[in-house]
Amino acid sequence: MPDENLLATLENGLRQSRTTRSRLAARLADLEAEAERVRTELNEMDAIISQTEAAMFRILSSMFGAAQSASSTPSDAEIEFALRRDAATAPRVAPTPQPPQHVSYAQRESSRPEHPFRHHIPQIRPDTTPKSDRFFERTIPHATAVLLRESGGPLHVNEIYNRLIEGGFQFTGQNPTISIAVSLNRNNRFRKVAPGTFDLTIRDAAQAS
């Protein structure tokens, strides 16, 4: 008789376990289906964002370069004017304010770079031709982030333009360097370190060490 009672208890526990497992499996299937729907919506939003950015850059390039010929290269002063004009119409979102922290003189001195960045203005190479298609159909911020990580330091928009062309990037406006500058200046992933020159706001720890 005790064996029969034990067997009945085990059978009841088995039925409950199977019922619980079935319920969990059904819930997991629902969650996986929901996750797939969310992934699909994310992909659709990424496509819309990329198309919108590309349209904005074409409009900005035409707007800022209407007074210049297609073959001319904007100077740093013209690039800075374009950035100020863009900031006046579409200011960047201010970063979240942080509480003030006391920094000693020794800390300030230790944080100074040993070799300050020197502003270098490379020339646009008119004979630059695509060597790959890795930047084809990419946005300016995405492709530039790759270039800045590879370079390990800041790049002038002229050099960014040269390297984007080598990577198969296709510009449609009259002044691509201004389009690059405006695009990067609007994106918090980048910081301007000199006229027409940008770097990543945050670099990987491996590169910063």
N, C-alpha and C. Protein backbone atom coordinates (compact mmCIF):
# COMPACT_ATOMS: atom_id res chain seq x y z
N MET A 1 0.81 -1.23 0.00
CA MET A 1 0.00 0.00 0.00
C MET A 1 0.85 1.28 0.00
N PRO A 2 1.91 1.35 0.80
CA PRO A 2 2.74 2.56 0.73
C PRO A 2 3.33 2.79 -0.66
N ASP A 3 3.67 1.70 -1.35
CA ASP A 3 4.23 1.84 -2.69
C ASP A 3 3.20 2.44 -3.64
N GLU A 4 1.94 2.02 -3.49
CA GLU A 4 0.89 2.56 -4.35
C GLU A 4 0.68 4.05 -4.09
N ASN A 5 0.73 4.45 -2.83
CA ASN A 5 0.59 5.87 -2.50
C ASN A 5 1.74 6.69 -3.07
N LEU A 6 2.95 6.15 -2.98
CA LEU A 6 4.13 6.85 -3.52
C LEU A 6 4.02 6.98 -5.03
N LEU A 7 3.58 5.88 -5.67
CA LEU A 7 3.43 5.91 -7.13
C LEU A 7 2.39 6.94 -7.55
N ALA A 8 1.28 6.99 -6.82
CA ALA A 8 0.24 7.96 -7.15
C ALA A 8 0.76 9.39 -6.99
N THR A 9 1.56 9.60 -5.93
CA THR A 9 2.14 10.94 -5.72
C THR A 9 3.08 11.32 -6.85
N LEU A 10 3.89 10.36 -7.27
CA LEU A 10 4.84 10.63 -8.36
C LEU A 10 4.11 10.89 -9.68
N GLU A 11 3.07 10.13 -9.94
CA GLU A 11 2.30 10.35 -11.17
C GLU A 11 1.65 11.74 -11.17
N ASN A 12 1.13 12.13 -10.03
CA ASN A 12 0.52 13.46 -9.94
C ASN A 12 1.56 14.56 -10.16
N GLY A 13 2.76 14.37 -9.55
CA GLY A 13 3.84 15.34 -9.76
C GLY A 13 4.29 15.38 -11.21
N LEU A 14 4.30 14.21 -11.88
CA LEU A 14 4.69 14.16 -13.29
C LEU A 14 3.70 14.92 -14.15
N ARG A 15 2.39 14.72 -13.87
CA ARG A 15 1.38 15.43 -14.65
C ARG A 15 1.52 16.95 -14.47
N GLN A 16 1.77 17.38 -13.26
CA GLN A 16 1.92 18.81 -13.00
C GLN A 16 3.16 19.37 -13.71
N SER A 17 4.23 18.58 -13.68
CA SER A 17 5.46 19.03 -14.34
C SER A 17 5.26 19.15 -15.85
N ARG A 18 4.57 18.19 -16.43
CA ARG A 18 4.31 18.25 -17.87
C ARG A 18 3.41 19.43 -18.23
N THR A 19 2.41 19.65 -17.37
CA THR A 19 1.52 20.79 -17.61
C THR A 19 2.29 22.11 -17.53
N THR A 20 3.15 22.22 -16.52
CA THR A 20 3.96 23.44 -16.37
C THR A 20 4.90 23.62 -17.56
N ARG A 21 5.51 22.50 -18.00
CA ARG A 21 6.42 22.59 -19.14
C ARG A 21 5.69 23.04 -20.41
N SER A 22 4.50 22.50 -20.62
CA SER A 22 3.71 22.89 -21.80
C SER A 22 3.38 24.37 -21.76
N ARG A 23 3.01 24.84 -20.56
CA ARG A 23 2.69 26.25 -20.43
C ARG A 23 3.92 27.13 -20.70
N LEU A 24 5.08 26.74 -20.18
CA LEU A 24 6.31 27.51 -20.41
C LEU A 24 6.73 27.47 -21.88
N ALA A 25 6.56 26.32 -22.51
CA ALA A 25 6.90 26.21 -23.93
C ALA A 25 6.03 27.13 -24.78
N ALA A 26 4.74 27.18 -24.44
CA ALA A 26 3.83 28.07 -25.17
C ALA A 26 4.21 29.53 -24.95
N ARG A 27 4.59 29.86 -23.74
CA ARG A 27 5.00 31.24 -23.45
C ARG A 27 6.27 31.60 -24.20
N LEU A 28 7.22 30.65 -24.24
CA LEU A 28 8.46 30.88 -24.98
C LEU A 28 8.19 31.10 -26.45
N ALA A 29 7.27 30.32 -27.02
CA ALA A 29 6.94 30.49 -28.44
C ALA A 29 6.34 31.87 -28.69
N ASP A 30 5.49 32.33 -27.77
CA ASP A 30 4.91 33.66 -27.92
C ASP A 30 5.99 34.74 -27.85
N LEU A 31 6.93 34.58 -26.92
CA LEU A 31 8.00 35.57 -26.77
C LEU A 31 8.91 35.59 -27.99
N GLU A 32 9.21 34.41 -28.54
CA GLU A 32 10.06 34.36 -29.74
C GLU A 32 9.36 35.00 -30.93
N ALA A 33 8.05 34.78 -31.04
CA ALA A 33 7.30 35.41 -32.12
C ALA A 33 7.29 36.92 -31.97
N GLU A 34 7.11 37.40 -30.73
CA GLU A 34 7.13 38.84 -30.47
C GLU A 34 8.51 39.43 -30.77
N ALA A 35 9.57 38.70 -30.37
CA ALA A 35 10.93 39.18 -30.64
C ALA A 35 11.18 39.28 -32.15
N GLU A 36 10.67 38.34 -32.90
CA GLU A 36 10.85 38.38 -34.36
C GLU A 36 10.12 39.58 -34.96
N ARG A 37 8.93 39.87 -34.44
CA ARG A 37 8.20 41.04 -34.92
C ARG A 37 8.95 42.33 -34.60
N VAL A 38 9.53 42.40 -33.39
CA VAL A 38 10.29 43.60 -33.00
C VAL A 38 11.53 43.74 -33.88
N ARG A 39 12.22 42.63 -34.16
CA ARG A 39 13.40 42.70 -35.04
C ARG A 39 13.03 43.21 -36.42
N THR A 40 11.90 42.75 -36.92
CA THR A 40 11.44 43.21 -38.24
C THR A 40 11.16 44.71 -38.22
N GLU A 41 10.50 45.18 -37.17
CA GLU A 41 10.21 46.61 -37.06
C GLU A 41 11.50 47.43 -36.93
N LEU A 42 12.48 46.91 -36.18
CA LEU A 42 13.76 47.60 -36.05
C LEU A 42 14.45 47.72 -37.40
N ASN A 43 14.45 46.65 -38.18
CA ASN A 43 15.07 46.70 -39.51
C ASN A 43 14.38 47.72 -40.40
N GLU A 44 13.05 47.77 -40.30
CA GLU A 44 12.31 48.76 -41.10
C GLU A 44 12.66 50.18 -40.66
N MET A 45 12.77 50.40 -39.36
CA MET A 45 13.13 51.73 -38.87
C MET A 45 14.55 52.11 -39.27
N ASP A 46 15.48 51.15 -39.24
CA ASP A 46 16.85 51.42 -39.68
C ASP A 46 16.87 51.86 -41.14
N ALA A 47 16.08 51.20 -41.96
CA ALA A 47 16.02 51.57 -43.38
C ALA A 47 15.45 52.97 -43.56
N ILE A 48 14.40 53.30 -42.80
CA ILE A 48 13.80 54.64 -42.88
C ILE A 48 14.80 55.70 -42.42
N ILE A 49 15.52 55.41 -41.32
CA ILE A 49 16.50 56.37 -40.80
C ILE A 49 17.59 56.61 -41.82
N SER A 50 18.12 55.55 -42.43
CA SER A 50 19.19 55.69 -43.42
C SER A 50 18.71 56.50 -44.62
N GLN A 51 17.50 56.23 -45.09
CA GLN A 51 16.97 56.98 -46.23
C GLN A 51 16.77 58.45 -45.89
N THR A 52 16.26 58.71 -44.67
CA THR A 52 16.04 60.10 -44.25
C THR A 52 17.35 60.85 -44.12
N GLU A 53 18.36 60.21 -43.51
CA GLU A 53 19.68 60.85 -43.38
C GLU A 53 20.26 61.17 -44.75
N ALA A 54 20.16 60.21 -45.67
CA ALA A 54 20.71 60.44 -47.01
C ALA A 54 20.02 61.62 -47.69
N ALA A 55 18.69 61.71 -47.53
CA ALA A 55 17.96 62.83 -48.13
C ALA A 55 18.36 64.15 -47.49
N MET A 56 18.54 64.17 -46.16
CA MET A 56 18.95 65.39 -45.47
C MET A 56 20.33 65.84 -45.93
N PHE A 57 21.26 64.90 -46.07
CA PHE A 57 22.61 65.26 -46.48
C PHE A 57 22.63 65.81 -47.90
N ARG A 58 21.78 65.25 -48.78
CA ARG A 58 21.72 65.78 -50.14
C ARG A 58 21.19 67.21 -50.15
N ILE A 59 20.16 67.46 -49.33
CA ILE A 59 19.60 68.81 -49.26
C ILE A 59 20.60 69.79 -48.66
N LEU A 60 21.27 69.39 -47.56
CA LEU A 60 22.24 70.26 -46.92
C LEU A 60 23.40 70.57 -47.85
N SER A 61 23.86 69.55 -48.58
CA SER A 61 24.97 69.76 -49.48
C SER A 61 24.60 70.76 -50.57
N SER A 62 23.39 70.65 -51.11
CA SER A 62 22.95 71.58 -52.14
C SER A 62 22.77 72.98 -51.58
N MET A 63 22.24 73.07 -50.35
CA MET A 63 21.97 74.37 -49.74
C MET A 63 23.25 75.13 -49.45
N PHE A 64 24.24 74.42 -48.86
CA PHE A 64 25.48 75.09 -48.48
C PHE A 64 26.41 75.32 -49.67
N GLY A 65 26.21 74.55 -50.73
CA GLY A 65 27.14 74.68 -51.85
C GLY A 65 26.56 75.34 -53.07
N ALA A 66 25.41 76.00 -52.95
CA ALA A 66 24.77 76.59 -54.12
C ALA A 66 25.61 77.68 -54.76
N ALA A 67 26.42 78.38 -53.95
CA ALA A 67 27.19 79.50 -54.47
C ALA A 67 28.57 79.09 -54.98
N GLN A 68 28.89 77.81 -54.95
CA GLN A 68 30.23 77.37 -55.34
C GLN A 68 30.12 76.37 -56.47
N SER A 69 31.15 76.27 -57.24
CA SER A 69 31.17 75.30 -58.34
C SER A 69 31.44 73.92 -57.79
N ALA A 70 31.10 72.91 -58.58
CA ALA A 70 31.25 71.53 -58.11
C ALA A 70 32.71 71.15 -57.95
N SER A 71 33.61 71.80 -58.67
CA SER A 71 35.02 71.41 -58.63
C SER A 71 35.80 72.10 -57.52
N SER A 72 35.22 73.12 -56.86
CA SER A 72 35.94 73.85 -55.83
C SER A 72 35.88 73.13 -54.51
N THR A 73 36.92 73.31 -53.69
CA THR A 73 37.00 72.69 -52.37
C THR A 73 36.79 73.76 -51.32
N PRO A 74 35.76 73.66 -50.48
CA PRO A 74 35.54 74.67 -49.45
C PRO A 74 36.71 74.78 -48.50
N SER A 75 37.01 75.99 -48.09
CA SER A 75 38.07 76.20 -47.10
C SER A 75 37.53 75.90 -45.71
N ASP A 76 38.44 75.85 -44.73
CA ASP A 76 38.01 75.63 -43.35
C ASP A 76 37.08 76.75 -42.88
N ALA A 77 37.33 77.98 -43.33
CA ALA A 77 36.47 79.09 -42.94
C ALA A 77 35.05 78.89 -43.48
N GLU A 78 34.95 78.41 -44.72
CA GLU A 78 33.63 78.16 -45.31
C GLU A 78 32.93 76.99 -44.60
N ILE A 79 33.71 75.98 -44.22
CA ILE A 79 33.13 74.86 -43.48
C ILE A 79 32.61 75.33 -42.13
N GLU A 80 33.41 76.16 -41.43
CA GLU A 80 32.97 76.68 -40.13
C GLU A 80 31.72 77.54 -40.27
N PHE A 81 31.64 78.32 -41.35
CA PHE A 81 30.44 79.13 -41.57
C PHE A 81 29.23 78.23 -41.78
N ALA A 82 29.41 77.15 -42.54
CA ALA A 82 28.31 76.22 -42.78
C ALA A 82 27.86 75.57 -41.47
N LEU A 83 28.81 75.24 -40.61
CA LEU A 83 28.46 74.62 -39.32
C LEU A 83 27.69 75.60 -38.44
N ARG A 84 28.13 76.86 -38.42
CA ARG A 84 27.42 77.86 -37.61
C ARG A 84 26.01 78.08 -38.14
N ARG A 85 25.89 78.10 -39.47
CA ARG A 85 24.58 78.30 -40.07
C ARG A 85 23.66 77.12 -39.76
N ASP A 86 24.21 75.92 -39.82
CA ASP A 86 23.41 74.74 -39.51
C ASP A 86 23.02 74.71 -38.05
N ALA A 87 23.95 75.10 -37.16
CA ALA A 87 23.65 75.10 -35.73
C ALA A 87 22.56 76.11 -35.39
N ALA A 88 22.50 77.19 -36.15
CA ALA A 88 21.49 78.21 -35.89
C ALA A 88 20.09 77.72 -36.24
N THR A 89 20.00 76.81 -37.22
CA THR A 89 18.69 76.31 -37.64
C THR A 89 18.33 74.99 -36.97
N ALA A 90 19.34 74.21 -36.60
CA ALA A 90 19.08 72.91 -35.96
C ALA A 90 20.13 72.66 -34.90
N PRO A 91 20.02 73.34 -33.75
CA PRO A 91 21.04 73.18 -32.71
C PRO A 91 21.09 71.76 -32.20
N ARG A 92 22.28 71.33 -31.81
CA ARG A 92 22.47 69.99 -31.27
C ARG A 92 21.85 69.89 -29.87
N VAL A 93 21.45 68.70 -29.51
CA VAL A 93 20.88 68.46 -28.19
C VAL A 93 21.97 68.60 -27.14
N ALA A 94 21.70 69.41 -26.12
CA ALA A 94 22.71 69.63 -25.09
C ALA A 94 22.91 68.37 -24.28
N PRO A 95 24.15 68.06 -23.89
CA PRO A 95 24.38 66.88 -23.07
C PRO A 95 23.78 67.03 -21.69
N THR A 96 23.53 65.91 -21.05
CA THR A 96 22.97 65.93 -19.69
C THR A 96 23.94 66.59 -18.73
N PRO A 97 23.52 67.64 -18.01
CA PRO A 97 24.46 68.33 -17.11
C PRO A 97 24.93 67.41 -15.99
N GLN A 98 26.20 67.50 -15.67
CA GLN A 98 26.80 66.71 -14.61
C GLN A 98 27.11 67.61 -13.42
N PRO A 99 27.02 67.07 -12.19
CA PRO A 99 27.33 67.89 -11.02
C PRO A 99 28.79 68.32 -11.04
N PRO A 100 29.08 69.56 -10.62
CA PRO A 100 30.47 70.04 -10.64
C PRO A 100 31.35 69.21 -9.73
N GLN A 101 32.56 68.97 -10.19
CA GLN A 101 33.52 68.21 -9.41
C GLN A 101 34.79 69.03 -9.24
N HIS A 102 35.36 68.97 -8.05
CA HIS A 102 36.59 69.69 -7.80
C HIS A 102 37.77 68.94 -8.43
N VAL A 103 38.54 69.65 -9.22
CA VAL A 103 39.72 69.06 -9.86
C VAL A 103 40.94 69.85 -9.40
N SER A 104 41.88 69.16 -8.81
CA SER A 104 43.08 69.81 -8.30
C SER A 104 44.00 70.22 -9.45
N TYR A 105 44.95 71.09 -9.14
CA TYR A 105 45.91 71.53 -10.15
C TYR A 105 46.72 70.35 -10.67
N ALA A 106 47.09 69.45 -9.78
CA ALA A 106 47.88 68.28 -10.20
C ALA A 106 47.09 67.40 -11.15
N GLN A 107 45.78 67.24 -10.89
CA GLN A 107 44.95 66.43 -11.77
C GLN A 107 44.81 67.09 -13.14
N ARG A 108 44.67 68.43 -13.15
CA ARG A 108 44.57 69.12 -14.44
C ARG A 108 45.84 68.97 -15.24
N GLU A 109 46.97 69.09 -14.57
CA GLU A 109 48.25 68.98 -15.28
C GLU A 109 48.48 67.57 -15.78
N SER A 110 48.09 66.57 -15.00
CA SER A 110 48.32 65.18 -15.42
C SER A 110 47.42 64.79 -16.57
N SER A 111 46.28 65.50 -16.73
CA SER A 111 45.37 65.15 -17.81
C SER A 111 45.72 65.83 -19.12
N ARG A 112 46.67 66.74 -19.12
CA ARG A 112 47.05 67.41 -20.36
C ARG A 112 47.80 66.45 -21.26
N PRO A 113 47.47 66.42 -22.57
CA PRO A 113 48.20 65.52 -23.46
C PRO A 113 49.65 65.98 -23.63
N GLU A 114 50.56 65.00 -23.76
CA GLU A 114 51.96 65.34 -23.93
C GLU A 114 52.22 65.97 -25.29
N HIS A 115 51.45 65.54 -26.28
CA HIS A 115 51.63 66.06 -27.64
C HIS A 115 50.29 66.59 -28.13
N PRO A 116 50.02 67.89 -27.97
CA PRO A 116 48.74 68.43 -28.40
C PRO A 116 48.52 68.23 -29.89
N PHE A 117 47.23 68.10 -30.26
CA PHE A 117 46.90 67.86 -31.66
C PHE A 117 47.26 69.07 -32.51
N ARG A 118 47.95 68.80 -33.62
CA ARG A 118 48.32 69.85 -34.56
C ARG A 118 47.37 69.81 -35.75
N HIS A 119 46.83 70.96 -36.06
CA HIS A 119 45.85 71.04 -37.14
C HIS A 119 46.56 70.89 -38.48
N HIS A 120 46.19 69.85 -39.20
CA HIS A 120 46.77 69.59 -40.51
C HIS A 120 45.64 69.54 -41.52
N ILE A 121 45.80 70.25 -42.62
CA ILE A 121 44.77 70.31 -43.66
C ILE A 121 45.26 69.53 -44.88
N PRO A 122 44.83 68.30 -45.04
CA PRO A 122 45.23 67.54 -46.23
C PRO A 122 44.48 68.04 -47.46
N GLN A 123 44.98 67.70 -48.60
CA GLN A 123 44.35 68.10 -49.85
C GLN A 123 43.43 67.00 -50.35
N ILE A 124 42.37 67.41 -51.02
CA ILE A 124 41.51 66.44 -51.69
C ILE A 124 42.24 65.92 -52.92
N ARG A 125 42.31 64.60 -53.02
CA ARG A 125 43.02 64.00 -54.14
C ARG A 125 42.04 63.79 -55.30
N PRO A 126 42.19 64.57 -56.37
CA PRO A 126 41.21 64.46 -57.47
C PRO A 126 41.28 63.13 -58.20
N ASP A 127 42.40 62.43 -58.07
CA ASP A 127 42.55 61.16 -58.78
C ASP A 127 42.13 59.96 -57.94
N THR A 128 41.49 60.21 -56.78
CA THR A 128 41.07 59.12 -55.91
C THR A 128 39.97 58.30 -56.57
N THR A 129 40.14 56.99 -56.56
CA THR A 129 39.16 56.09 -57.16
C THR A 129 38.77 55.02 -56.13
N PRO A 130 37.58 54.47 -56.24
CA PRO A 130 37.16 53.42 -55.30
C PRO A 130 38.06 52.20 -55.37
N LYS A 131 38.47 51.72 -54.19
CA LYS A 131 39.26 50.50 -54.11
C LYS A 131 38.47 49.34 -53.53
N SER A 132 37.29 49.64 -52.98
CA SER A 132 36.39 48.62 -52.43
C SER A 132 34.99 49.20 -52.41
N ASP A 133 34.05 48.41 -51.94
CA ASP A 133 32.67 48.88 -51.84
C ASP A 133 32.16 48.79 -50.40
N ARG A 134 33.09 48.85 -49.44
CA ARG A 134 32.68 48.64 -48.05
C ARG A 134 31.81 49.77 -47.51
N PHE A 135 31.87 50.97 -48.11
CA PHE A 135 31.04 52.08 -47.66
C PHE A 135 29.88 52.36 -48.60
N PHE A 136 29.66 51.47 -49.55
CA PHE A 136 28.55 51.65 -50.49
C PHE A 136 27.23 51.55 -49.74
N GLU A 137 26.37 52.53 -49.93
CA GLU A 137 25.06 52.60 -49.29
C GLU A 137 25.15 52.72 -47.77
N ARG A 138 26.28 53.21 -47.26
CA ARG A 138 26.41 53.51 -45.83
C ARG A 138 26.14 54.99 -45.60
N THR A 139 25.80 55.35 -44.36
CA THR A 139 25.64 56.76 -44.04
C THR A 139 27.00 57.37 -43.71
N ILE A 140 27.09 58.69 -43.77
CA ILE A 140 28.35 59.36 -43.46
C ILE A 140 28.80 59.08 -42.03
N PRO A 141 27.92 59.19 -41.01
CA PRO A 141 28.38 58.90 -39.64
C PRO A 141 28.90 57.48 -39.46
N HIS A 142 28.18 56.51 -40.03
CA HIS A 142 28.61 55.12 -39.86
C HIS A 142 29.97 54.89 -40.50
N ALA A 143 30.13 55.34 -41.75
CA ALA A 143 31.40 55.12 -42.44
C ALA A 143 32.54 55.89 -41.78
N THR A 144 32.28 57.11 -41.33
CA THR A 144 33.32 57.91 -40.70
C THR A 144 33.75 57.32 -39.37
N ALA A 145 32.81 56.77 -38.61
CA ALA A 145 33.16 56.13 -37.35
C ALA A 145 34.15 54.99 -37.59
N VAL A 146 33.94 54.24 -38.67
CA VAL A 146 34.87 53.16 -39.01
C VAL A 146 36.25 53.73 -39.33
N LEU A 147 36.28 54.81 -40.11
CA LEU A 147 37.57 55.42 -40.50
C LEU A 147 38.32 55.97 -39.29
N LEU A 148 37.60 56.61 -38.37
CA LEU A 148 38.26 57.19 -37.20
C LEU A 148 38.78 56.11 -36.26
N ARG A 149 38.05 55.01 -36.16
CA ARG A 149 38.57 53.91 -35.34
C ARG A 149 39.83 53.33 -35.97
N GLU A 150 39.84 53.23 -37.28
CA GLU A 150 41.01 52.68 -37.97
C GLU A 150 42.21 53.62 -37.90
N SER A 151 41.95 54.93 -37.96
CA SER A 151 43.04 55.89 -37.97
C SER A 151 43.67 56.05 -36.59
N GLY A 152 42.89 55.84 -35.53
CA GLY A 152 43.40 56.00 -34.18
C GLY A 152 43.52 57.45 -33.75
N GLY A 153 43.05 58.39 -34.55
CA GLY A 153 43.14 59.80 -34.21
C GLY A 153 42.22 60.63 -35.09
N PRO A 154 42.22 61.96 -34.89
CA PRO A 154 41.32 62.83 -35.66
C PRO A 154 41.67 62.84 -37.15
N LEU A 155 40.66 63.18 -37.95
CA LEU A 155 40.85 63.32 -39.39
C LEU A 155 40.15 64.58 -39.87
N HIS A 156 40.79 65.26 -40.82
CA HIS A 156 40.17 66.41 -41.46
C HIS A 156 39.13 65.92 -42.46
N VAL A 157 38.10 66.74 -42.70
CA VAL A 157 37.03 66.31 -43.60
C VAL A 157 37.56 66.02 -45.00
N ASN A 158 38.63 66.70 -45.42
CA ASN A 158 39.21 66.41 -46.74
C ASN A 158 39.72 64.98 -46.80
N GLU A 159 40.42 64.56 -45.73
CA GLU A 159 40.95 63.19 -45.71
C GLU A 159 39.82 62.18 -45.54
N ILE A 160 38.81 62.54 -44.75
CA ILE A 160 37.65 61.66 -44.63
C ILE A 160 37.00 61.46 -45.99
N TYR A 161 36.89 62.54 -46.74
CA TYR A 161 36.32 62.45 -48.09
C TYR A 161 37.15 61.51 -48.97
N ASN A 162 38.48 61.69 -48.95
CA ASN A 162 39.35 60.83 -49.77
C ASN A 162 39.14 59.35 -49.43
N ARG A 163 39.09 59.05 -48.14
CA ARG A 163 38.97 57.66 -47.72
C ARG A 163 37.57 57.09 -47.98
N LEU A 164 36.56 57.95 -47.86
CA LEU A 164 35.21 57.49 -48.19
C LEU A 164 35.11 57.13 -49.67
N ILE A 165 35.70 57.95 -50.52
CA ILE A 165 35.69 57.67 -51.96
C ILE A 165 36.40 56.35 -52.23
N GLU A 166 37.54 56.13 -51.56
CA GLU A 166 38.27 54.87 -51.73
C GLU A 166 37.42 53.68 -51.30
N GLY A 167 36.53 53.90 -50.33
CA GLY A 167 35.67 52.83 -49.85
C GLY A 167 34.37 52.68 -50.61
N GLY A 168 34.23 53.40 -51.72
CA GLY A 168 33.05 53.25 -52.57
C GLY A 168 31.86 54.08 -52.17
N PHE A 169 32.05 55.07 -51.26
CA PHE A 169 30.94 55.94 -50.86
C PHE A 169 30.56 56.84 -52.04
N GLN A 170 29.26 57.06 -52.22
CA GLN A 170 28.78 57.87 -53.33
C GLN A 170 28.16 59.16 -52.81
N PHE A 171 28.76 60.28 -53.18
CA PHE A 171 28.24 61.60 -52.82
C PHE A 171 27.37 62.12 -53.96
N THR A 172 26.33 62.86 -53.59
CA THR A 172 25.42 63.41 -54.60
C THR A 172 25.39 64.93 -54.60
N GLY A 173 25.88 65.58 -53.57
CA GLY A 173 25.83 67.04 -53.48
C GLY A 173 27.02 67.71 -54.12
N GLN A 174 26.99 69.04 -54.13
CA GLN A 174 28.06 69.81 -54.74
C GLN A 174 29.28 69.91 -53.85
N ASN A 175 29.08 69.93 -52.54
CA ASN A 175 30.20 70.10 -51.60
C ASN A 175 30.19 68.97 -50.57
N PRO A 176 30.77 67.85 -50.91
CA PRO A 176 30.72 66.70 -49.99
C PRO A 176 31.44 66.95 -48.68
N THR A 177 32.51 67.76 -48.67
CA THR A 177 33.21 67.99 -47.40
C THR A 177 32.34 68.76 -46.42
N ILE A 178 31.52 69.67 -46.91
CA ILE A 178 30.58 70.38 -46.04
C ILE A 178 29.51 69.42 -45.54
N SER A 179 29.05 68.53 -46.41
CA SER A 179 28.07 67.52 -45.97
C SER A 179 28.65 66.67 -44.86
N ILE A 180 29.93 66.29 -44.99
CA ILE A 180 30.58 65.49 -43.96
C ILE A 180 30.63 66.27 -42.65
N ALA A 181 31.09 67.52 -42.73
CA ALA A 181 31.25 68.33 -41.52
C ALA A 181 29.91 68.53 -40.81
N VAL A 182 28.88 68.87 -41.56
CA VAL A 182 27.56 69.10 -40.96
C VAL A 182 27.03 67.81 -40.33
N SER A 183 27.19 66.72 -41.06
CA SER A 183 26.70 65.44 -40.55
C SER A 183 27.38 65.05 -39.25
N LEU A 184 28.71 65.19 -39.18
CA LEU A 184 29.43 64.80 -37.98
C LEU A 184 29.16 65.78 -36.84
N ASN A 185 29.03 67.06 -37.15
CA ASN A 185 28.79 68.05 -36.11
C ASN A 185 27.41 67.87 -35.47
N ARG A 186 26.49 67.27 -36.19
CA ARG A 186 25.15 67.03 -35.66
C ARG A 186 25.08 65.76 -34.82
N ASN A 187 26.10 64.94 -34.90
CA ASN A 187 26.06 63.62 -34.26
C ASN A 187 26.93 63.62 -33.01
N ASN A 188 26.36 63.25 -31.87
CA ASN A 188 27.09 63.27 -30.60
C ASN A 188 28.19 62.23 -30.52
N ARG A 189 28.26 61.33 -31.49
CA ARG A 189 29.34 60.35 -31.50
C ARG A 189 30.68 61.00 -31.88
N PHE A 190 30.63 62.23 -32.41
CA PHE A 190 31.84 62.89 -32.89
C PHE A 190 32.03 64.23 -32.19
N ARG A 191 33.29 64.67 -32.13
CA ARG A 191 33.61 65.99 -31.57
C ARG A 191 34.59 66.69 -32.51
N LYS A 192 34.41 67.98 -32.64
CA LYS A 192 35.29 68.78 -33.49
C LYS A 192 36.51 69.21 -32.68
N VAL A 193 37.70 68.83 -33.11
CA VAL A 193 38.92 69.14 -32.37
C VAL A 193 39.69 70.30 -32.98
N ALA A 194 39.33 70.69 -34.19
CA ALA A 194 39.96 71.81 -34.89
C ALA A 194 39.05 72.14 -36.07
N PRO A 195 39.25 73.30 -36.71
CA PRO A 195 38.40 73.63 -37.86
C PRO A 195 38.41 72.52 -38.92
N GLY A 196 37.24 72.00 -39.21
CA GLY A 196 37.12 70.96 -40.23
C GLY A 196 37.67 69.61 -39.83
N THR A 197 38.02 69.43 -38.57
CA THR A 197 38.68 68.20 -38.12
C THR A 197 37.87 67.57 -36.99
N PHE A 198 37.63 66.26 -37.09
CA PHE A 198 36.76 65.57 -36.15
C PHE A 198 37.41 64.31 -35.61
N ASP A 199 36.96 63.92 -34.42
CA ASP A 199 37.40 62.68 -33.80
C ASP A 199 36.19 62.04 -33.13
N LEU A 200 36.33 60.79 -32.73
CA LEU A 200 35.28 60.13 -31.98
C LEU A 200 35.18 60.74 -30.58
N THR A 201 33.99 60.90 -30.09
CA THR A 201 33.80 61.42 -28.74
C THR A 201 34.34 60.44 -27.70
N ILE A 202 34.06 59.16 -27.89
CA ILE A 202 34.52 58.12 -26.99
C ILE A 202 35.21 57.05 -27.81
N ARG A 203 36.43 56.76 -27.44
CA ARG A 203 37.18 55.72 -28.12
C ARG A 203 37.19 54.45 -27.29
N ASP A 204 37.43 53.33 -27.95
CA ASP A 204 37.50 52.07 -27.23
C ASP A 204 38.64 52.09 -26.22
N ALA A 205 38.44 51.42 -25.11
CA ALA A 205 39.47 51.41 -24.06
C ALA A 205 40.78 50.86 -24.58
N ALA A 206 40.71 49.90 -25.47
CA ALA A 206 41.93 49.31 -26.01
C ALA A 206 42.72 50.33 -26.82
N GLN A 207 42.01 51.23 -27.53
CA GLN A 207 42.70 52.24 -28.31
C GLN A 207 43.17 53.39 -27.45
N ALA A 208 42.43 53.66 -26.35
CA ALA A 208 42.80 54.79 -25.51
C ALA A 208 44.00 54.49 -24.63
N SER A 209 44.29 53.21 -24.37
CA SER A 209 45.40 52.85 -23.48
C SER A 209 46.72 52.96 -24.21
